[in-house]
Amino acid sequence: MADGEDGSFTFSIAAEGKPYILKVVYKDDERVVTTSFSAFDEPLDVRPPDPAKVLDMTGAS
């Protein structure tokens, strides 16, 4: 566990095979945030979003 500025992080690491991070949990006085990881060594297909679903915020204040 490592201390954050206002909270703490807990890291879960795979016990077998390569030591991948499986989960990170951040806790502070107001919230708990969990990030889980999976599908290691799998291809990642990243594509841009459909232009119709993109919000143009230029000029917004």
PDB file of N, CA and C in Angstrom:
ATOM      1  N   MET A   1       0.853  -1.168   0.000  1.00  0.00           N
ATOM      2  CA  MET A   1       0.000   0.000   0.000  1.00  0.00           C
ATOM      3  C   MET A   1       0.902   1.236   0.000  1.00  0.00           C
ATOM      4  N   ALA A   2       0.539   2.220  -0.789  1.00  0.00           N
ATOM      5  CA  ALA A   2       1.284   3.481  -0.837  1.00  0.00           C
ATOM      6  C   ALA A   2       0.342   4.618  -0.482  1.00  0.00           C
ATOM      7  N   ASP A   3       0.842   5.602   0.226  1.00  0.00           N
ATOM      8  CA  ASP A   3       0.010   6.743   0.619  1.00  0.00           C
ATOM      9  C   ASP A   3      -0.106   7.736  -0.520  1.00  0.00           C
ATOM     10  N   GLY A   4      -1.331   8.180  -0.807  1.00  0.00           N
ATOM     11  CA  GLY A   4      -1.562   9.252  -1.755  1.00  0.00           C
ATOM     12  C   GLY A   4      -1.583  10.565  -0.988  1.00  0.00           C
ATOM     13  N   GLU A   5      -1.917  11.654  -1.656  1.00  0.00           N
ATOM     14  CA  GLU A   5      -1.952  12.949  -0.978  1.00  0.00           C
ATOM     15  C   GLU A   5      -3.003  12.962   0.127  1.00  0.00           C
ATOM     16  N   ASP A   6      -4.209  12.474  -0.190  1.00  0.00           N
ATOM     17  CA  ASP A   6      -5.299  12.496   0.778  1.00  0.00           C
ATOM     18  C   ASP A   6      -5.851  11.111   1.063  1.00  0.00           C
ATOM     19  N   GLY A   7      -5.319  10.089   0.431  1.00  0.00           N
ATOM     20  CA  GLY A   7      -5.857   8.747   0.588  1.00  0.00           C
ATOM     21  C   GLY A   7      -4.762   7.717   0.429  1.00  0.00           C
ATOM     22  N   SER A   8      -5.189   6.506   0.112  1.00  0.00           N
ATOM     23  CA  SER A   8      -4.205   5.440  -0.055  1.00  0.00           C
ATOM     24  C   SER A   8      -4.554   4.569  -1.248  1.00  0.00           C
ATOM     25  N   PHE A   9      -3.538   3.930  -1.806  1.00  0.00           N
ATOM     26  CA  PHE A   9      -3.682   3.016  -2.924  1.00  0.00           C
ATOM     27  C   PHE A   9      -3.383   1.600  -2.451  1.00  0.00           C
ATOM     28  N   THR A  10      -4.149   0.629  -2.948  1.00  0.00           N
ATOM     29  CA  THR A  10      -3.864  -0.782  -2.730  1.00  0.00           C
ATOM     30  C   THR A  10      -3.770  -1.440  -4.097  1.00  0.00           C
ATOM     31  N   PHE A  11      -2.684  -2.170  -4.350  1.00  0.00           N
ATOM     32  CA  PHE A  11      -2.443  -2.824  -5.626  1.00  0.00           C
ATOM     33  C   PHE A  11      -2.583  -4.329  -5.459  1.00  0.00           C
ATOM     34  N   SER A  12      -3.356  -4.981  -6.339  1.00  0.00           N
ATOM     35  CA  SER A  12      -3.456  -6.444  -6.369  1.00  0.00           C
ATOM     36  C   SER A  12      -2.640  -6.922  -7.563  1.00  0.00           C
ATOM     37  N   ILE A  13      -1.723  -7.863  -7.312  1.00  0.00           N
ATOM     38  CA  ILE A  13      -0.800  -8.351  -8.335  1.00  0.00           C
ATOM     39  C   ILE A  13      -1.050  -9.841  -8.547  1.00  0.00           C
ATOM     40  N   ALA A  14      -0.945 -10.317  -9.811  1.00  0.00           N
ATOM     41  CA  ALA A  14      -1.107 -11.739 -10.119  1.00  0.00           C
ATOM     42  C   ALA A  14      -0.065 -12.556  -9.365  1.00  0.00           C
ATOM     43  N   ALA A  15      -0.498 -13.616  -8.720  1.00  0.00           N
ATOM     44  CA  ALA A  15       0.410 -14.462  -7.931  1.00  0.00           C
ATOM     45  C   ALA A  15       1.061 -15.552  -8.774  1.00  0.00           C
ATOM     46  N   GLU A  16       0.497 -15.842  -9.946  1.00  0.00           N
ATOM     47  CA  GLU A  16       1.052 -16.866 -10.832  1.00  0.00           C
ATOM     48  C   GLU A  16       1.394 -16.248 -12.178  1.00  0.00           C
ATOM     49  N   GLY A  17       2.408 -16.793 -12.846  1.00  0.00           N
ATOM     50  CA  GLY A  17       2.815 -16.273 -14.143  1.00  0.00           C
ATOM     51  C   GLY A  17       3.523 -14.935 -13.984  1.00  0.00           C
ATOM     52  N   LYS A  18       3.439 -14.099 -15.021  1.00  0.00           N
ATOM     53  CA  LYS A  18       4.060 -12.778 -14.953  1.00  0.00           C
ATOM     54  C   LYS A  18       3.332 -11.927 -13.919  1.00  0.00           C
ATOM     55  N   PRO A  19       4.035 -11.059 -13.205  1.00  0.00           N
ATOM     56  CA  PRO A  19       3.400 -10.253 -12.144  1.00  0.00           C
ATOM     57  C   PRO A  19       2.641  -9.039 -12.685  1.00  0.00           C
ATOM     58  N   TYR A  20       1.478  -9.282 -13.292  1.00  0.00           N
ATOM     59  CA  TYR A  20       0.640  -8.198 -13.805  1.00  0.00           C
ATOM     60  C   TYR A  20      -0.158  -7.555 -12.676  1.00  0.00           C
ATOM     61  N   ILE A  21      -0.406  -6.258 -12.814  1.00  0.00           N
ATOM     62  CA  ILE A  21      -1.336  -5.577 -11.902  1.00  0.00           C
ATOM     63  C   ILE A  21      -2.746  -5.998 -12.300  1.00  0.00           C
ATOM     64  N   LEU A  22      -3.507  -6.513 -11.360  1.00  0.00           N
ATOM     65  CA  LEU A  22      -4.883  -6.934 -11.612  1.00  0.00           C
ATOM     66  C   LEU A  22      -5.895  -5.876 -11.212  1.00  0.00           C
ATOM     67  N   LYS A  23      -5.601  -5.154 -10.114  1.00  0.00           N
ATOM     68  CA  LYS A  23      -6.567  -4.181  -9.610  1.00  0.00           C
ATOM     69  C   LYS A  23      -5.841  -3.127  -8.787  1.00  0.00           C
ATOM     70  N   VAL A  24      -6.312  -1.880  -8.897  1.00  0.00           N
ATOM     71  CA  VAL A  24      -5.824  -0.778  -8.071  1.00  0.00           C
ATOM     72  C   VAL A  24      -7.038  -0.159  -7.393  1.00  0.00           C
ATOM     73  N   VAL A  25      -6.964  -0.009  -6.077  1.00  0.00           N
ATOM     74  CA  VAL A  25      -8.054   0.608  -5.315  1.00  0.00           C
ATOM     75  C   VAL A  25      -7.504   1.853  -4.633  1.00  0.00           C
ATOM     76  N   TYR A  26      -8.161   2.992  -4.857  1.00  0.00           N
ATOM     77  CA  TYR A  26      -7.807   4.244  -4.192  1.00  0.00           C
ATOM     78  C   TYR A  26      -8.922   4.573  -3.208  1.00  0.00           C
ATOM     79  N   LYS A  27      -8.567   4.861  -1.969  1.00  0.00           N
ATOM     80  CA  LYS A  27      -9.561   5.215  -0.946  1.00  0.00           C
ATOM     81  C   LYS A  27      -9.149   6.518  -0.281  1.00  0.00           C
ATOM     82  N   ASP A  28     -10.128   7.405  -0.108  1.00  0.00           N
ATOM     83  CA  ASP A  28      -9.927   8.588   0.718  1.00  0.00           C
ATOM     84  C   ASP A  28     -11.182   8.776   1.569  1.00  0.00           C
ATOM     85  N   ASP A  29     -11.319   9.901   2.214  1.00  0.00           N
ATOM     86  CA  ASP A  29     -12.454  10.127   3.108  1.00  0.00           C
ATOM     87  C   ASP A  29     -13.790  10.233   2.383  1.00  0.00           C
ATOM     88  N   GLU A  30     -13.756  10.523   1.085  1.00  0.00           N
ATOM     89  CA  GLU A  30     -14.993  10.761   0.347  1.00  0.00           C
ATOM     90  C   GLU A  30     -15.360   9.671  -0.652  1.00  0.00           C
ATOM     91  N   ARG A  31     -14.396   8.878  -1.113  1.00  0.00           N
ATOM     92  CA  ARG A  31     -14.697   7.943  -2.198  1.00  0.00           C
ATOM     93  C   ARG A  31     -13.752   6.748  -2.192  1.00  0.00           C
ATOM     94  N   VAL A  32     -14.192   5.723  -2.920  1.00  0.00           N
ATOM     95  CA  VAL A  32     -13.367   4.558  -3.214  1.00  0.00           C
ATOM     96  C   VAL A  32     -13.418   4.377  -4.726  1.00  0.00           C
ATOM     97  N   VAL A  33     -12.262   4.347  -5.372  1.00  0.00           N
ATOM     98  CA  VAL A  33     -12.179   4.181  -6.824  1.00  0.00           C
ATOM     99  C   VAL A  33     -11.423   2.895  -7.103  1.00  0.00           C
ATOM    100  N   THR A  34     -12.033   1.986  -7.882  1.00  0.00           N
ATOM    101  CA  THR A  34     -11.408   0.713  -8.222  1.00  0.00           C
ATOM    102  C   THR A  34     -11.195   0.646  -9.720  1.00  0.00           C
ATOM    103  N   THR A  35      -9.980   0.292 -10.129  1.00  0.00           N
ATOM    104  CA  THR A  35      -9.647   0.080 -11.534  1.00  0.00           C
ATOM    105  C   THR A  35      -9.164  -1.355 -11.676  1.00  0.00           C
ATOM    106  N   SER A  36      -9.833  -2.136 -12.543  1.00  0.00           N
ATOM    107  CA  SER A  36      -9.462  -3.532 -12.759  1.00  0.00           C
ATOM    108  C   SER A  36      -8.847  -3.689 -14.139  1.00  0.00           C
ATOM    109  N   PHE A  37      -7.891  -4.600 -14.248  1.00  0.00           N
ATOM    110  CA  PHE A  37      -7.188  -4.853 -15.503  1.00  0.00           C
ATOM    111  C   PHE A  37      -7.355  -6.322 -15.878  1.00  0.00           C
ATOM    112  N   SER A  38      -7.468  -6.602 -17.193  1.00  0.00           N
ATOM    113  CA  SER A  38      -7.605  -7.978 -17.660  1.00  0.00           C
ATOM    114  C   SER A  38      -7.140  -8.058 -19.110  1.00  0.00           C
ATOM    115  N   ALA A  39      -7.201  -9.246 -19.663  1.00  0.00           N
ATOM    116  CA  ALA A  39      -6.871  -9.503 -21.070  1.00  0.00           C
ATOM    117  C   ALA A  39      -5.441  -9.103 -21.421  1.00  0.00           C
ATOM    118  N   PHE A  40      -4.497  -9.475 -20.548  1.00  0.00           N
ATOM    119  CA  PHE A  40      -3.099  -9.180 -20.817  1.00  0.00           C
ATOM    120  C   PHE A  40      -2.629  -9.974 -22.028  1.00  0.00           C
ATOM    121  N   ASP A  41      -1.713  -9.408 -22.778  1.00  0.00           N
ATOM    122  CA  ASP A  41      -1.157 -10.015 -23.995  1.00  0.00           C
ATOM    123  C   ASP A  41      -2.209 -10.226 -25.073  1.00  0.00           C
ATOM    124  N   GLU A  42      -3.333  -9.545 -24.992  1.00  0.00           N
ATOM    125  CA  GLU A  42      -4.372  -9.595 -26.016  1.00  0.00           C
ATOM    126  C   GLU A  42      -4.252  -8.347 -26.885  1.00  0.00           C
ATOM    127  N   PRO A  43      -4.542  -8.446 -28.179  1.00  0.00           N
ATOM    128  CA  PRO A  43      -4.510  -7.254 -29.036  1.00  0.00           C
ATOM    129  C   PRO A  43      -5.555  -6.224 -28.579  1.00  0.00           C
ATOM    130  N   LEU A  44      -5.221  -4.977 -28.722  1.00  0.00           N
ATOM    131  CA  LEU A  44      -6.128  -3.893 -28.359  1.00  0.00           C
ATOM    132  C   LEU A  44      -6.502  -3.148 -29.627  1.00  0.00           C
ATOM    133  N   ASP A  45      -7.770  -3.159 -29.964  1.00  0.00           N
ATOM    134  CA  ASP A  45      -8.259  -2.521 -31.186  1.00  0.00           C
ATOM    135  C   ASP A  45      -8.865  -1.172 -30.815  1.00  0.00           C
ATOM    136  N   VAL A  46      -8.090  -0.110 -30.980  1.00  0.00           N
ATOM    137  CA  VAL A  46      -8.540   1.230 -30.631  1.00  0.00           C
ATOM    138  C   VAL A  46      -8.969   1.943 -31.911  1.00  0.00           C
ATOM    139  N   ARG A  47     -10.178   2.483 -31.882  1.00  0.00           N
ATOM    140  CA  ARG A  47     -10.726   3.200 -33.048  1.00  0.00           C
ATOM    141  C   ARG A  47     -11.280   4.544 -32.592  1.00  0.00           C
ATOM    142  N   PRO A  48     -11.240   5.550 -33.453  1.00  0.00           N
ATOM    143  CA  PRO A  48     -11.840   6.836 -33.078  1.00  0.00           C
ATOM    144  C   PRO A  48     -13.358   6.690 -32.969  1.00  0.00           C
ATOM    145  N   PRO A  49     -13.991   7.546 -32.170  1.00  0.00           N
ATOM    146  CA  PRO A  49     -15.450   7.472 -32.044  1.00  0.00           C
ATOM    147  C   PRO A  49     -16.142   7.933 -33.316  1.00  0.00           C
ATOM    148  N   ASP A  50     -17.387   7.543 -33.458  1.00  0.00           N
ATOM    149  CA  ASP A  50     -18.222   7.998 -34.570  1.00  0.00           C
ATOM    150  C   ASP A  50     -18.324   9.522 -34.479  1.00  0.00           C
ATOM    151  N   PRO A  51     -18.022  10.251 -35.552  1.00  0.00           N
ATOM    152  CA  PRO A  51     -18.069  11.724 -35.502  1.00  0.00           C
ATOM    153  C   PRO A  51     -19.416  12.265 -35.015  1.00  0.00           C
ATOM    154  N   ALA A  52     -20.499  11.558 -35.243  1.00  0.00           N
ATOM    155  CA  ALA A  52     -21.824  12.013 -34.803  1.00  0.00           C
ATOM    156  C   ALA A  52     -21.950  11.965 -33.276  1.00  0.00           C
ATOM    157  N   LYS A  53     -21.049  11.217 -32.610  1.00  0.00           N
ATOM    158  CA  LYS A  53     -21.112  11.091 -31.165  1.00  0.00           C
ATOM    159  C   LYS A  53     -20.073  11.949 -30.459  1.00  0.00           C
ATOM    160  N   VAL A  54     -19.378  12.790 -31.222  1.00  0.00           N
ATOM    161  CA  VAL A  54     -18.350  13.672 -30.649  1.00  0.00           C
ATOM    162  C   VAL A  54     -18.951  15.042 -30.395  1.00  0.00           C
ATOM    163  N   LEU A  55     -18.770  15.560 -29.205  1.00  0.00           N
ATOM    164  CA  LEU A  55     -19.299  16.864 -28.827  1.00  0.00           C
ATOM    165  C   LEU A  55     -18.215  17.915 -29.008  1.00  0.00           C
ATOM    166  N   ASP A  56     -18.473  18.938 -29.810  1.00  0.00           N
ATOM    167  CA  ASP A  56     -17.506  20.023 -30.044  1.00  0.00           C
ATOM    168  C   ASP A  56     -17.705  21.076 -28.962  1.00  0.00           C
ATOM    169  N   MET A  57     -16.725  21.202 -28.077  1.00  0.00           N
ATOM    170  CA  MET A  57     -16.818  22.143 -26.972  1.00  0.00           C
ATOM    171  C   MET A  57     -16.013  23.411 -27.207  1.00  0.00           C
ATOM    172  N   THR A  58     -15.494  23.611 -28.428  1.00  0.00           N
ATOM    173  CA  THR A  58     -14.778  24.857 -28.705  1.00  0.00           C
ATOM    174  C   THR A  58     -15.747  26.021 -28.579  1.00  0.00           C
ATOM    175  N   GLY A  59     -15.317  27.035 -27.927  1.00  0.00           N
ATOM    176  CA  GLY A  59     -16.159  28.206 -27.730  1.00  0.00           C
ATOM    177  C   GLY A  59     -17.025  28.133 -26.472  1.00  0.00           C
ATOM    178  N   ALA A  60     -17.073  26.968 -25.830  1.00  0.00           N
ATOM    179  CA  ALA A  60     -17.832  26.851 -24.582  1.00  0.00           C
ATOM    180  C   ALA A  60     -16.984  27.408 -23.449  1.00  0.00           C
ATOM    181  N   SER A  61     -17.625  28.071 -22.522  1.00  0.00           N
ATOM    182  CA  SER A  61     -16.854  28.615 -21.402  1.00  0.00           C
ATOM    183  C   SER A  61     -17.244  28.021 -20.091  1.00  0.00           C
TER     184      SER A  61
END
